[in-house]
Amino acid sequence: MLPTQETLKEILLRDHLITPEDLNRAIQEQERSGGELSRILLRLKLIAEDQLSVVLSEALQLPLINLNLFRIDPSLLKLIPKETAEKSLLIPISKLNDQLTIAMVDPLDILTIDNIKAMTSMSVSVILARPREMRAALERSYANNNSSDLEEIFQDIKETKEAERLELVKDQSQPNKRVVENLSEEAPIITLTNTIIQQAVAAKASDIFIEPMENCLRIRYRVDGFIREIDRMSKDLHFPLISRVKVISSLDIAEHRLPQDGRFRIVTDDNKEVDFRVNVLPTAMGEKIVLRILDKNQEMADIDKLGFEPDSLSRLKECCQKPHGMILACGPTGSGKTTTLYAILKYINSPGRNIVTVEDPVEFQMKDFNQVNIRTEFGLSFPAALRSILRQDPDVILIGEVRDSETLDIAVKAALTGHLVVSSLHTTTGPGSITRMINMGVEPFLITSSVVVIVAQRLVRRVCQKCREPYTVSDDVIKEFHLNELIPDQKWQFYKPKGCDKCLNTGYKGRVGITETLVLSNKIKELILISSSEAQIKNAARADGMKTMREDAVIKASQGLTTLEEVIRLTAPD
């Protein structure tokens, strides 16, 4: 039986969880807008979620369970769609004959309970759960439930006549194009491909790997920079699955000997556009496909929120205000270079500036910039696009990536002729970028005249803030990382990963950037002109105040953002 408002009021006032004045304010809001008193209390932030759960438990005489102790049966999750469960904050707990028990955050939501009854054709009993535990249980349970989808789809394929066609393809050393194309258009293969893609987007993966092994087909995702194996399935699925990806990427399904590049776009259930860059590579075991996931709706980051240390950020901002020159972001693929470049554009953007970007592909859609998408198949390459852009009187040019000497030559000349050029380069360190540019044919005097600052960066995994465990470092660690010199007054606290539901038991959730900012001072320019070594340039930059990536990473580990294990994994000793 549901409690009256008087029951809730009595408990709230009895336990001093709310003042009489705040309760009257909530009642007045209820009279004005309608709705349950409990929801209004939360909306007005007059009571915490966990406190309200305890009050409702007493008022409704319903047990309050700890969902962290439950393992939800995957078969029960199929009774209630994920969207419904997440919207109404509920989850099925058990089923006995035609009696379904669900845990809810708001048992007063009669309409939702009636919908569940109609949806399942079962009678429903309700128990109470805390909102925080409910959200964790939903994420944990429905994510785990998705992992069984691939097996079920493969079982559906095996139970249809398509299994015979799979055997036909398997037995052919050079499968017939029409057979493979028709097979890739069958519903089970489409479902399998869509499931792999949708799970990757839901997991916030950056890459999908579809890899043929000797006796199986391996599916892996890269999440937070770390590759995780998702499933191994029958090698029979290799040809139709690869062909399906080729079809949606507008690639040649009959070509198996040469690499191919393609792209496609999907729209998620919440109307977000996600782009995929596709690369097909022939290997000894068959064609391997890697899909790079690009969220076009990702919000452009502020330069202040990229993780730069205050001194490095100040130096970078000062360089961004230069009227002309070249700003370079360096690092391997997936190190966050594009994010840094766009943050710089956002920082220097103004109505009086003509900003043009040339990219392959355009990763972020920005309304304030003119963005050019490279289309090499039509002759629109980086050099061709840059030549045309320079005829349109730009103030700032973003070049997605300097891949060849011709593009670099045009970029350097643009920086010398009054333009601010922002670009990326695939090198490991700031000083190493100078050596790389010289190797690409740029004279040292042109580098000193054009380049303003070089930012080298990596992304390290962020230690989970929920389950991290503090520990005291040994004297050997203090000595190895020069902590006393790097961090004065011993103001450090290091953590180690543990693993929990929030981080999928990895101990890490999300990533944080580590950087080194090399400003080309007069001393650095002199060293470049006399062809000094990378080590000499690095030592001079450190004398000028540059912190290396290893030092920056150690500082972030000392602040509890990452771990020393991540520091060692991704940075080289100084």
Protein backbone atom coordinates (compact mmCIF):
# COMPACT_ATOMS: atom_id res chain seq x y z
CA MET A 1 0.00 0.00 0.00
CA LEU A 2 1.37 3.40 -0.96
CA PRO A 3 1.94 5.94 1.84
CA THR A 4 0.12 9.22 2.08
CA GLN A 5 1.99 12.49 1.92
CA GLU A 6 1.52 12.77 5.65
CA THR A 7 3.59 9.62 6.20
CA LEU A 8 6.50 11.04 4.22
CA LYS A 9 6.26 14.39 5.97
CA GLU A 10 6.28 12.78 9.41
CA ILE A 11 9.41 10.74 8.69
CA LEU A 12 11.25 13.66 7.09
CA LEU A 13 10.56 15.96 10.02
CA ARG A 14 11.04 13.27 12.68
CA ASP A 15 14.54 12.43 11.44
CA HIS A 16 15.41 16.11 10.87
CA LEU A 17 16.17 15.42 7.22
CA ILE A 18 14.41 18.59 6.14
CA THR A 19 13.30 21.79 7.83
CA PRO A 20 9.61 22.72 8.08
CA GLU A 21 10.31 25.74 5.87
CA ASP A 22 11.86 23.64 3.11
CA LEU A 23 9.04 21.12 3.35
CA ASN A 24 6.47 23.89 2.89
CA ARG A 25 8.42 25.12 -0.14
CA ALA A 26 8.33 21.63 -1.66
CA ILE A 27 4.57 21.31 -1.00
CA GLN A 28 3.93 24.70 -2.65
CA GLU A 29 5.95 23.57 -5.68
CA GLN A 30 3.93 20.34 -5.81
CA GLU A 31 0.66 22.31 -5.75
CA ARG A 32 1.96 24.52 -8.55
CA SER A 33 3.46 21.92 -10.90
CA GLY A 34 2.02 18.60 -9.70
CA GLY A 35 3.92 15.33 -9.39
CA GLU A 36 5.17 13.19 -6.54
CA LEU A 37 6.52 14.91 -3.43
CA SER A 38 9.59 12.65 -3.44
CA ARG A 39 10.63 13.78 -6.93
CA ILE A 40 10.09 17.43 -6.06
CA LEU A 41 12.33 17.07 -3.00
CA LEU A 42 15.08 15.73 -5.24
CA ARG A 43 14.51 18.34 -7.94
CA LEU A 44 14.82 21.15 -5.39
CA LYS A 45 17.89 19.42 -3.89
CA LEU A 46 16.33 19.44 -0.44
CA ILE A 47 17.35 15.84 0.29
CA ALA A 48 20.03 13.45 -0.92
CA GLU A 49 19.09 10.45 -3.08
CA ASP A 50 20.30 7.87 -0.55
CA GLN A 51 18.44 9.58 2.30
CA LEU A 52 15.21 9.57 0.30
CA SER A 53 15.64 5.85 -0.41
CA VAL A 54 15.77 5.12 3.34
CA VAL A 55 12.69 7.26 3.96
CA LEU A 56 10.73 5.55 1.18
CA SER A 57 11.76 2.14 2.48
CA GLU A 58 10.25 2.89 5.87
CA ALA A 59 7.20 4.68 4.51
CA LEU A 60 6.40 2.00 1.93
CA GLN A 61 7.51 -0.87 4.16
CA LEU A 62 9.61 -2.18 1.29
CA PRO A 63 13.04 -3.81 1.71
CA LEU A 64 16.02 -1.73 0.59
CA ILE A 65 18.47 -4.02 -1.17
CA ASN A 66 22.13 -3.60 -2.06
CA LEU A 67 22.37 -4.18 -5.82
CA ASN A 68 26.16 -4.39 -5.60
CA LEU A 69 25.70 -7.84 -4.05
CA PHE A 70 23.43 -9.13 -6.84
CA ARG A 71 24.37 -10.84 -10.08
CA ILE A 72 21.46 -10.33 -12.43
CA ASP A 73 20.42 -13.33 -14.52
CA PRO A 74 20.99 -12.34 -18.20
CA SER A 75 17.75 -14.08 -19.20
CA LEU A 76 15.79 -11.63 -17.01
CA LEU A 77 17.32 -8.63 -18.77
CA LYS A 78 15.64 -9.69 -22.02
CA LEU A 79 12.24 -9.12 -20.41
CA ILE A 80 12.78 -5.37 -20.08
CA PRO A 81 14.53 -3.30 -22.79
CA LYS A 82 17.67 -1.46 -21.75
CA GLU A 83 16.14 1.91 -22.72
CA THR A 84 13.15 1.36 -20.43
CA ALA A 85 15.31 0.20 -17.54
CA GLU A 86 17.67 3.17 -17.80
CA LYS A 87 14.90 5.73 -18.25
CA SER A 88 12.88 4.54 -15.23
CA LEU A 89 15.85 3.34 -13.13
CA LEU A 90 14.67 -0.22 -12.60
CA ILE A 91 16.05 -3.72 -13.11
CA PRO A 92 14.52 -7.22 -12.93
CA ILE A 93 15.75 -9.26 -9.97
CA SER A 94 13.97 -12.61 -10.09
CA LYS A 95 11.13 -14.53 -11.74
CA LEU A 96 9.01 -17.27 -10.22
CA ASN A 97 6.34 -18.69 -12.52
CA ASP A 98 4.39 -15.60 -13.64
CA GLN A 99 5.66 -13.38 -10.79
CA LEU A 100 8.39 -10.88 -11.71
CA THR A 101 10.29 -9.00 -9.01
CA ILE A 102 11.91 -5.72 -10.01
CA ALA A 103 14.11 -3.29 -8.08
CA MET A 104 13.14 0.37 -8.51
CA VAL A 105 14.42 3.72 -7.36
CA ASP A 106 10.91 5.19 -7.38
CA PRO A 107 8.27 2.59 -6.39
CA LEU A 108 5.64 5.37 -6.51
CA ASP A 109 5.90 5.39 -10.32
CA ILE A 110 2.66 3.48 -10.92
CA LEU A 111 2.58 4.13 -14.67
CA THR A 112 5.95 2.44 -15.18
CA ILE A 113 4.89 -0.56 -13.08
CA ASP A 114 1.73 -0.91 -15.20
CA ASN A 115 3.85 -0.71 -18.36
CA ILE A 116 6.10 -3.51 -17.11
CA LYS A 117 3.04 -5.64 -16.37
CA ALA A 118 1.71 -5.08 -19.88
CA MET A 119 5.12 -5.60 -21.47
CA THR A 120 5.87 -8.91 -19.71
CA SER A 121 2.29 -10.21 -19.21
CA MET A 122 3.31 -10.99 -15.63
CA SER A 123 2.38 -9.75 -12.20
CA VAL A 124 5.02 -7.45 -10.73
CA SER A 125 6.29 -7.01 -7.20
CA VAL A 126 8.62 -4.17 -6.28
CA ILE A 127 11.60 -3.76 -3.98
CA LEU A 128 13.59 -0.59 -3.39
CA ALA A 129 17.15 0.26 -4.50
CA ARG A 130 19.46 3.25 -4.12
CA PRO A 131 19.91 5.38 -7.28
CA ARG A 132 23.71 5.18 -7.27
CA GLU A 133 23.70 1.38 -6.96
CA MET A 134 20.96 1.13 -9.59
CA ARG A 135 22.94 3.07 -12.19
CA ALA A 136 26.00 0.91 -11.57
CA ALA A 137 23.93 -2.27 -11.80
CA LEU A 138 22.33 -1.18 -15.07
CA GLU A 139 25.68 -0.35 -16.63
CA ARG A 140 27.23 -3.58 -15.38
CA SER A 141 24.37 -5.94 -16.18
CA TYR A 142 23.29 -4.71 -19.60
CA ALA A 143 26.92 -4.34 -20.71
CA ASN A 144 27.63 -7.94 -19.71
CA ASN A 145 24.40 -9.06 -21.34
CA ASN A 146 25.55 -7.56 -24.64
CA SER A 147 28.59 -9.84 -24.64
CA SER A 148 26.36 -12.84 -25.22
CA ASP A 149 24.71 -11.22 -28.26
CA LEU A 150 27.44 -12.33 -30.64
CA GLU A 151 27.09 -15.96 -29.57
CA GLU A 152 23.33 -15.84 -30.03
CA ILE A 153 23.63 -14.29 -33.48
CA PHE A 154 26.15 -16.92 -34.53
CA GLN A 155 23.80 -19.60 -33.23
CA ASP A 156 21.01 -18.07 -35.36
CA ILE A 157 23.29 -18.22 -38.38
CA LYS A 158 24.11 -21.86 -37.76
CA GLU A 159 20.43 -22.76 -37.50
CA THR A 160 19.62 -21.29 -40.92
CA LYS A 161 20.49 -22.35 -44.44
CA GLU A 162 23.18 -19.70 -44.35
CA ALA A 163 25.43 -22.23 -42.62
CA GLU A 164 25.58 -24.21 -45.85
CA ARG A 165 26.63 -21.10 -47.77
CA LEU A 166 29.31 -20.41 -45.17
CA GLU A 167 30.72 -23.86 -45.83
CA LEU A 168 30.65 -23.11 -49.55
CA VAL A 169 32.67 -19.94 -49.06
CA LYS A 170 35.05 -21.72 -46.69
CA ASP A 171 35.86 -24.40 -49.26
CA GLN A 172 36.75 -21.89 -51.99
CA SER A 173 40.28 -20.54 -52.10
CA GLN A 174 39.03 -17.64 -54.26
CA PRO A 175 35.36 -17.20 -53.30
CA ASN A 176 32.94 -16.11 -55.98
CA LYS A 177 32.23 -12.37 -55.72
CA ARG A 178 28.48 -12.76 -56.17
CA VAL A 179 28.27 -15.52 -53.51
CA VAL A 180 30.15 -13.44 -50.94
CA GLU A 181 28.23 -10.25 -51.79
CA ASN A 182 24.87 -11.99 -51.43
CA LEU A 183 25.98 -13.61 -48.18
CA SER A 184 27.11 -10.24 -46.77
CA GLU A 185 23.61 -8.88 -47.38
CA GLU A 186 21.88 -11.63 -45.38
CA ALA A 187 20.11 -10.48 -42.19
CA PRO A 188 22.20 -12.51 -39.68
CA ILE A 189 25.49 -11.13 -41.03
CA ILE A 190 24.08 -7.60 -40.99
CA THR A 191 22.95 -8.13 -37.39
CA LEU A 192 26.37 -9.49 -36.41
CA THR A 193 28.20 -6.54 -37.97
CA ASN A 194 25.82 -3.99 -36.42
CA THR A 195 26.16 -5.59 -33.00
CA ILE A 196 29.97 -5.43 -33.11
CA ILE A 197 29.83 -1.77 -34.14
CA GLN A 198 27.12 -0.74 -31.65
CA GLN A 199 28.85 -2.44 -28.72
CA ALA A 200 32.08 -0.63 -29.57
CA VAL A 201 30.31 2.75 -29.65
CA ALA A 202 28.57 1.99 -26.34
CA ALA A 203 31.90 1.00 -24.76
CA LYS A 204 33.43 4.29 -26.01
CA ALA A 205 36.07 2.39 -27.92
CA SER A 206 38.41 4.23 -30.28
CA ASP A 207 39.15 1.25 -32.56
CA ILE A 208 37.63 -2.08 -33.57
CA PHE A 209 39.94 -4.92 -34.67
CA ILE A 210 38.52 -7.77 -36.78
CA GLU A 211 41.41 -10.21 -37.09
CA PRO A 212 41.61 -13.64 -38.73
CA MET A 213 43.62 -16.12 -36.67
CA GLU A 214 44.62 -19.65 -37.60
CA ASN A 215 41.46 -21.31 -36.29
CA CYS A 216 39.14 -18.45 -35.37
CA LEU A 217 38.12 -14.85 -35.98
CA ARG A 218 39.11 -12.49 -33.16
CA ILE A 219 37.21 -9.30 -32.26
CA ARG A 220 38.97 -6.70 -30.13
CA TYR A 221 38.23 -3.12 -29.00
CA ARG A 222 40.65 -0.41 -27.95
CA VAL A 223 39.17 1.34 -24.90
CA ASP A 224 41.09 4.09 -23.07
CA GLY A 225 44.11 3.26 -25.20
CA PHE A 226 44.16 -0.38 -24.09
CA ILE A 227 43.14 -3.27 -26.36
CA ARG A 228 40.60 -5.74 -24.92
CA GLU A 229 39.56 -8.99 -26.53
CA ILE A 230 35.78 -9.16 -26.88
CA ASP A 231 35.12 -12.47 -28.60
CA ARG A 232 36.52 -15.30 -30.70
CA MET A 233 34.16 -16.77 -33.24
CA SER A 234 34.22 -19.32 -36.02
CA LYS A 235 36.67 -18.66 -38.86
CA ASP A 236 33.71 -19.44 -41.17
CA LEU A 237 32.40 -15.94 -40.50
CA HIS A 238 35.55 -14.25 -41.78
CA PHE A 239 34.61 -13.79 -45.45
CA PRO A 240 31.00 -12.63 -44.97
CA LEU A 241 31.87 -10.31 -42.07
CA ILE A 242 34.81 -8.70 -43.87
CA SER A 243 32.69 -8.40 -47.01
CA ARG A 244 29.86 -6.76 -45.08
CA VAL A 245 32.23 -4.11 -43.73
CA LYS A 246 33.58 -3.58 -47.26
CA VAL A 247 30.05 -3.13 -48.61
CA ILE A 248 29.09 -0.44 -46.10
CA SER A 249 32.48 1.24 -46.63
CA SER A 250 32.07 1.29 -50.45
CA LEU A 251 35.17 -0.89 -50.97
CA ASP A 252 35.84 -3.59 -53.57
CA ILE A 253 34.75 -6.91 -52.05
CA ALA A 254 36.54 -8.85 -54.80
CA GLU A 255 39.96 -7.38 -53.95
CA HIS A 256 41.83 -9.50 -51.39
CA ARG A 257 45.47 -8.86 -52.30
CA LEU A 258 45.88 -5.11 -51.76
CA PRO A 259 45.18 -2.80 -48.80
CA GLN A 260 42.06 -0.64 -49.02
CA ASP A 261 40.82 2.45 -47.19
CA GLY A 262 37.20 3.47 -46.76
CA ARG A 263 34.76 5.14 -44.44
CA PHE A 264 31.12 5.10 -43.41
CA ARG A 265 28.80 6.81 -40.96
CA ILE A 266 26.10 5.61 -38.57
CA VAL A 267 23.48 7.42 -36.51
CA THR A 268 23.03 6.06 -32.99
CA ASP A 269 19.71 5.61 -31.19
CA ASP A 270 20.16 9.02 -29.52
CA ASN A 271 20.67 10.68 -32.94
CA LYS A 272 24.43 11.11 -32.67
CA GLU A 273 26.53 10.83 -35.81
CA VAL A 274 29.57 8.55 -35.56
CA ASP A 275 32.10 8.26 -38.38
CA PHE A 276 34.26 5.20 -39.04
CA ARG A 277 37.55 5.11 -40.93
CA VAL A 278 38.16 1.63 -42.33
CA ASN A 279 41.47 0.04 -43.29
CA VAL A 280 41.74 -3.44 -44.83
CA LEU A 281 45.14 -5.14 -44.67
CA PRO A 282 45.92 -8.52 -46.27
CA THR A 283 47.73 -10.82 -43.81
CA ALA A 284 48.98 -14.39 -43.92
CA MET A 285 45.75 -15.57 -42.26
CA GLY A 286 43.42 -13.45 -44.37
CA GLU A 287 42.25 -9.85 -44.47
CA LYS A 288 42.38 -7.88 -41.23
CA ILE A 289 40.13 -4.85 -40.76
CA VAL A 290 40.58 -1.99 -38.32
CA LEU A 291 37.76 0.52 -37.84
CA ARG A 292 38.69 3.87 -36.29
CA ILE A 293 35.73 5.42 -34.45
CA LEU A 294 35.27 9.18 -34.67
CA ASP A 295 32.49 10.78 -32.65
CA LYS A 296 31.53 13.85 -34.70
CA ASN A 297 29.37 15.20 -31.86
CA GLN A 298 32.21 15.26 -29.37
CA GLU A 299 32.47 18.66 -27.76
CA MET A 300 35.65 20.59 -28.49
CA ALA A 301 37.79 20.79 -25.35
CA ASP A 302 39.03 24.00 -23.77
CA ILE A 303 42.78 24.42 -23.75
CA ASP A 304 42.61 24.90 -19.97
CA LYS A 305 41.11 21.42 -19.54
CA LEU A 306 43.65 19.40 -21.51
CA GLY A 307 45.86 18.66 -18.52
CA PHE A 308 48.75 21.04 -19.18
CA GLU A 309 50.73 22.02 -16.09
CA PRO A 310 50.30 25.75 -15.30
CA ASP A 311 53.77 26.78 -16.52
CA SER A 312 53.49 24.78 -19.77
CA LEU A 313 49.97 26.13 -20.38
CA SER A 314 51.14 29.70 -19.91
CA ARG A 315 53.99 29.19 -22.38
CA LEU A 316 51.66 27.59 -24.95
CA LYS A 317 49.06 30.37 -24.67
CA GLU A 318 51.77 32.98 -25.16
CA CYS A 319 52.89 31.23 -28.36
CA CYS A 320 49.28 30.98 -29.60
CA GLN A 321 49.05 34.78 -29.58
CA LYS A 322 51.83 35.09 -32.16
CA PRO A 323 50.57 36.69 -35.41
CA HIS A 324 52.30 34.06 -37.57
CA GLY A 325 54.43 30.94 -37.31
CA MET A 326 53.91 27.21 -36.91
CA ILE A 327 52.52 25.35 -33.90
CA LEU A 328 53.06 21.58 -33.97
CA ALA A 329 51.43 18.82 -31.92
CA CYS A 330 53.43 15.58 -32.00
CA GLY A 331 52.81 12.00 -30.96
CA PRO A 332 51.71 8.62 -32.27
CA THR A 333 48.24 7.80 -33.58
CA GLY A 334 45.61 8.13 -30.85
CA SER A 335 47.64 10.42 -28.61
CA GLY A 336 45.12 13.29 -28.69
CA LYS A 337 46.90 15.56 -31.18
CA THR A 338 43.71 16.57 -33.00
CA THR A 339 42.02 17.44 -29.70
CA THR A 340 44.94 19.71 -28.81
CA LEU A 341 44.90 21.39 -32.22
CA TYR A 342 41.19 22.15 -32.01
CA ALA A 343 41.55 23.42 -28.45
CA ILE A 344 44.17 25.85 -29.74
CA LEU A 345 41.82 27.00 -32.52
CA LYS A 346 39.03 27.48 -30.00
CA TYR A 347 41.34 29.56 -27.81
CA ILE A 348 42.48 31.91 -30.61
CA ASN A 349 39.15 32.05 -32.47
CA SER A 350 37.53 35.44 -32.93
CA PRO A 351 35.06 36.97 -35.42
CA GLY A 352 37.90 38.92 -37.03
CA ARG A 353 39.92 35.83 -37.99
CA ASN A 354 39.57 33.69 -41.11
CA ILE A 355 40.26 30.14 -39.92
CA VAL A 356 40.44 27.26 -42.41
CA THR A 357 41.16 23.59 -41.67
CA VAL A 358 42.21 20.85 -44.09
CA GLU A 359 41.82 17.32 -42.71
CA ASP A 360 41.56 13.67 -43.66
CA PRO A 361 38.86 13.24 -42.52
CA VAL A 362 37.20 16.13 -40.67
CA GLU A 363 36.99 14.70 -37.15
CA PHE A 364 35.02 17.48 -35.43
CA GLN A 365 32.25 19.53 -37.03
CA MET A 366 32.80 23.15 -35.98
CA LYS A 367 30.42 25.92 -37.01
CA ASP A 368 32.97 28.75 -36.69
CA PHE A 369 35.60 27.29 -39.03
CA ASN A 370 35.83 26.54 -42.75
CA GLN A 371 36.66 22.83 -42.91
CA VAL A 372 38.00 21.05 -45.99
CA ASN A 373 37.77 17.26 -46.29
CA ILE A 374 40.61 15.65 -48.25
CA ARG A 375 39.42 13.51 -51.19
CA THR A 376 42.50 12.06 -52.85
CA GLU A 377 40.39 10.00 -55.27
CA PHE A 378 39.29 13.28 -56.86
CA GLY A 379 42.70 14.93 -56.71
CA LEU A 380 42.00 16.97 -53.55
CA SER A 381 45.19 16.18 -51.61
CA PHE A 382 46.78 18.16 -48.76
CA PRO A 383 49.12 20.11 -51.11
CA ALA A 384 46.32 20.86 -53.60
CA ALA A 385 43.96 22.02 -50.85
CA LEU A 386 46.63 24.18 -49.21
CA ARG A 387 47.51 25.93 -52.45
CA SER A 388 43.87 26.87 -52.93
CA ILE A 389 43.40 27.88 -49.28
CA LEU A 390 46.35 30.27 -49.44
CA ARG A 391 44.56 32.14 -52.24
CA GLN A 392 41.62 32.82 -49.90
CA ASP A 393 43.56 35.06 -47.50
CA PRO A 394 43.37 32.89 -44.34
CA ASP A 395 44.67 34.10 -40.96
CA VAL A 396 44.93 30.63 -39.38
CA ILE A 397 45.34 27.28 -41.15
CA LEU A 398 44.94 23.92 -39.47
CA ILE A 399 46.59 21.03 -41.32
CA GLY A 400 45.31 17.75 -39.92
CA GLU A 401 48.61 15.96 -40.44
CA VAL A 402 51.92 16.65 -42.17
CA ARG A 403 52.50 13.38 -44.03
CA ASP A 404 55.03 14.28 -46.73
CA SER A 405 57.74 16.76 -47.63
CA GLU A 406 55.49 18.65 -50.07
CA THR A 407 52.85 19.36 -47.43
CA LEU A 408 55.55 20.36 -44.93
CA ASP A 409 57.16 22.70 -47.46
CA ILE A 410 53.87 24.50 -48.12
CA ALA A 411 53.12 24.71 -44.38
CA VAL A 412 56.53 26.23 -43.61
CA LYS A 413 56.21 28.79 -46.41
CA ALA A 414 52.70 29.70 -45.21
CA ALA A 415 54.07 30.29 -41.71
CA LEU A 416 56.84 32.46 -43.15
CA THR A 417 54.43 34.59 -45.16
CA GLY A 418 52.26 35.82 -42.32
CA HIS A 419 49.94 32.90 -41.52
CA LEU A 420 49.53 31.03 -38.24
CA VAL A 421 49.78 27.33 -39.12
CA VAL A 422 48.64 24.65 -36.66
CA SER A 423 49.45 21.06 -37.52
CA SER A 424 50.48 17.61 -36.26
CA LEU A 425 53.51 15.44 -36.89
CA HIS A 426 54.12 11.76 -36.11
CA THR A 427 57.18 11.93 -33.86
CA THR A 428 57.88 10.87 -30.29
CA THR A 429 59.35 14.00 -28.67
CA GLY A 430 59.54 17.75 -29.20
CA PRO A 431 63.29 17.80 -30.00
CA GLY A 432 62.79 14.72 -32.19
CA SER A 433 60.32 16.67 -34.33
CA ILE A 434 63.08 19.06 -35.35
CA THR A 435 65.23 16.16 -36.52
CA ARG A 436 62.25 14.73 -38.39
CA MET A 437 61.60 17.99 -40.26
CA ILE A 438 65.26 18.23 -41.29
CA ASN A 439 65.06 14.64 -42.58
CA MET A 440 61.98 15.65 -44.61
CA GLY A 441 64.04 18.26 -46.41
CA VAL A 442 63.40 21.50 -44.49
CA GLU A 443 66.50 23.62 -44.00
CA PRO A 444 67.38 24.39 -40.34
CA PHE A 445 67.15 28.16 -40.92
CA LEU A 446 63.56 27.73 -42.19
CA ILE A 447 62.65 25.77 -39.04
CA THR A 448 64.01 28.50 -36.74
CA SER A 449 62.16 31.16 -38.74
CA SER A 450 58.80 29.38 -38.87
CA VAL A 451 58.28 27.06 -35.89
CA VAL A 452 57.10 28.75 -32.70
CA VAL A 453 56.35 25.85 -30.33
CA ILE A 454 56.19 22.05 -30.43
CA VAL A 455 53.88 20.13 -28.10
CA ALA A 456 54.64 16.41 -27.75
CA GLN A 457 51.98 14.37 -25.97
CA ARG A 458 50.59 11.00 -24.95
CA LEU A 459 47.40 9.81 -23.26
CA VAL A 460 47.79 7.75 -20.08
CA ARG A 461 44.96 5.87 -18.45
CA ARG A 462 43.29 7.69 -15.57
CA VAL A 463 43.16 5.64 -12.37
CA CYS A 464 39.57 4.96 -11.27
CA GLN A 465 38.63 7.58 -8.68
CA LYS A 466 36.17 5.21 -7.02
CA CYS A 467 38.36 2.22 -6.21
CA ARG A 468 41.93 3.58 -6.23
CA GLU A 469 44.04 2.70 -3.19
CA PRO A 470 46.70 5.03 -1.72
CA TYR A 471 50.14 3.73 -0.88
CA THR A 472 53.53 5.03 0.27
CA VAL A 473 56.35 4.97 -2.26
CA SER A 474 59.74 3.56 -1.31
CA ASP A 475 63.01 5.49 -1.16
CA ASP A 476 64.13 3.74 -4.36
CA VAL A 477 61.10 5.10 -6.21
CA ILE A 478 61.72 8.59 -4.82
CA LYS A 479 65.28 8.41 -6.09
CA GLU A 480 64.42 6.89 -9.48
CA PHE A 481 61.82 9.54 -10.33
CA HIS A 482 63.68 12.44 -8.65
CA LEU A 483 60.57 13.25 -6.62
CA ASN A 484 62.31 15.55 -4.15
CA GLU A 485 63.60 17.76 -6.99
CA LEU A 486 60.41 17.56 -9.07
CA ILE A 487 57.80 18.04 -6.33
CA PRO A 488 58.84 20.33 -3.46
CA ASP A 489 57.81 19.76 0.17
CA GLN A 490 56.93 16.11 -0.57
CA LYS A 491 53.39 17.10 -1.59
CA TRP A 492 52.57 13.83 -3.30
CA GLN A 493 50.13 10.98 -2.91
CA PHE A 494 50.37 7.97 -5.18
CA TYR A 495 47.60 5.44 -5.84
CA LYS A 496 47.40 1.95 -7.28
CA PRO A 497 44.49 0.48 -9.27
CA LYS A 498 42.15 -2.02 -7.67
CA GLY A 499 39.14 -2.60 -9.93
CA CYS A 500 35.40 -2.14 -9.40
CA ASP A 501 32.11 -2.18 -11.30
CA LYS A 502 32.54 1.42 -12.43
CA CYS A 503 35.82 0.69 -14.25
CA LEU A 504 34.87 -2.88 -15.36
CA ASN A 505 37.45 -4.24 -12.89
CA THR A 506 40.38 -2.72 -14.78
CA GLY A 507 41.30 -0.12 -12.16
CA TYR A 508 41.29 2.60 -14.84
CA LYS A 509 38.55 4.78 -16.32
CA GLY A 510 39.17 7.49 -18.90
CA ARG A 511 42.47 9.05 -19.96
CA VAL A 512 44.50 12.15 -19.17
CA GLY A 513 47.09 13.87 -21.33
CA ILE A 514 50.79 14.18 -20.55
CA THR A 515 52.80 16.75 -22.51
CA GLU A 516 56.12 18.47 -23.05
CA THR A 517 56.08 21.97 -24.49
CA LEU A 518 59.20 22.96 -26.43
CA VAL A 519 59.31 26.71 -27.09
CA LEU A 520 61.92 27.68 -29.68
CA SER A 521 63.90 30.22 -27.69
CA ASN A 522 66.98 31.97 -29.10
CA LYS A 523 69.22 29.34 -27.47
CA ILE A 524 67.25 26.49 -29.08
CA LYS A 525 67.37 28.21 -32.48
CA GLU A 526 71.16 28.56 -32.24
CA LEU A 527 71.50 24.83 -31.56
CA ILE A 528 69.25 23.99 -34.53
CA LEU A 529 71.31 26.18 -36.86
CA ILE A 530 74.53 24.36 -35.95
CA SER A 531 72.82 20.95 -36.38
CA SER A 532 73.02 19.97 -32.71
CA SER A 533 71.83 16.56 -31.59
CA GLU A 534 68.39 15.84 -30.19
CA ALA A 535 69.90 15.30 -26.71
CA GLN A 536 71.58 18.71 -26.76
CA ILE A 537 68.36 20.44 -27.78
CA LYS A 538 66.48 18.58 -25.05
CA ASN A 539 68.99 19.58 -22.36
CA ALA A 540 68.84 23.21 -23.45
CA ALA A 541 65.02 23.14 -23.41
CA ARG A 542 65.01 21.70 -19.88
CA ALA A 543 67.36 24.46 -18.82
CA ASP A 544 64.82 26.92 -20.25
CA GLY A 545 62.11 25.40 -18.04
CA MET A 546 60.59 22.64 -20.20
CA LYS A 547 59.22 19.64 -18.31
CA THR A 548 59.62 16.36 -20.17
CA MET A 549 56.74 13.96 -20.67
CA ARG A 550 58.17 11.65 -18.00
CA GLU A 551 58.28 14.51 -15.50
CA ASP A 552 54.78 15.67 -16.42
CA ALA A 553 53.46 12.11 -16.05
CA VAL A 554 55.10 11.71 -12.62
CA ILE A 555 53.48 14.97 -11.47
CA LYS A 556 50.06 13.70 -12.59
CA ALA A 557 50.66 10.38 -10.83
CA SER A 558 51.57 12.28 -7.65
CA GLN A 559 48.23 14.12 -7.93
CA GLY A 560 46.30 10.84 -8.04
CA LEU A 561 45.32 11.15 -11.72
CA THR A 562 47.25 8.11 -12.97
CA THR A 563 49.69 5.49 -11.68
CA LEU A 564 53.45 5.04 -11.81
CA GLU A 565 52.84 1.84 -13.80
CA GLU A 566 51.25 3.94 -16.55
CA VAL A 567 54.14 6.40 -16.36
CA ILE A 568 56.66 3.62 -16.94
CA ARG A 569 54.53 2.02 -19.68
CA LEU A 570 54.21 5.14 -21.83
CA THR A 571 57.24 7.34 -21.18
CA ALA A 572 60.98 6.87 -21.60
CA PRO A 573 63.47 7.79 -18.87
CA ASP A 574 65.02 11.26 -19.19
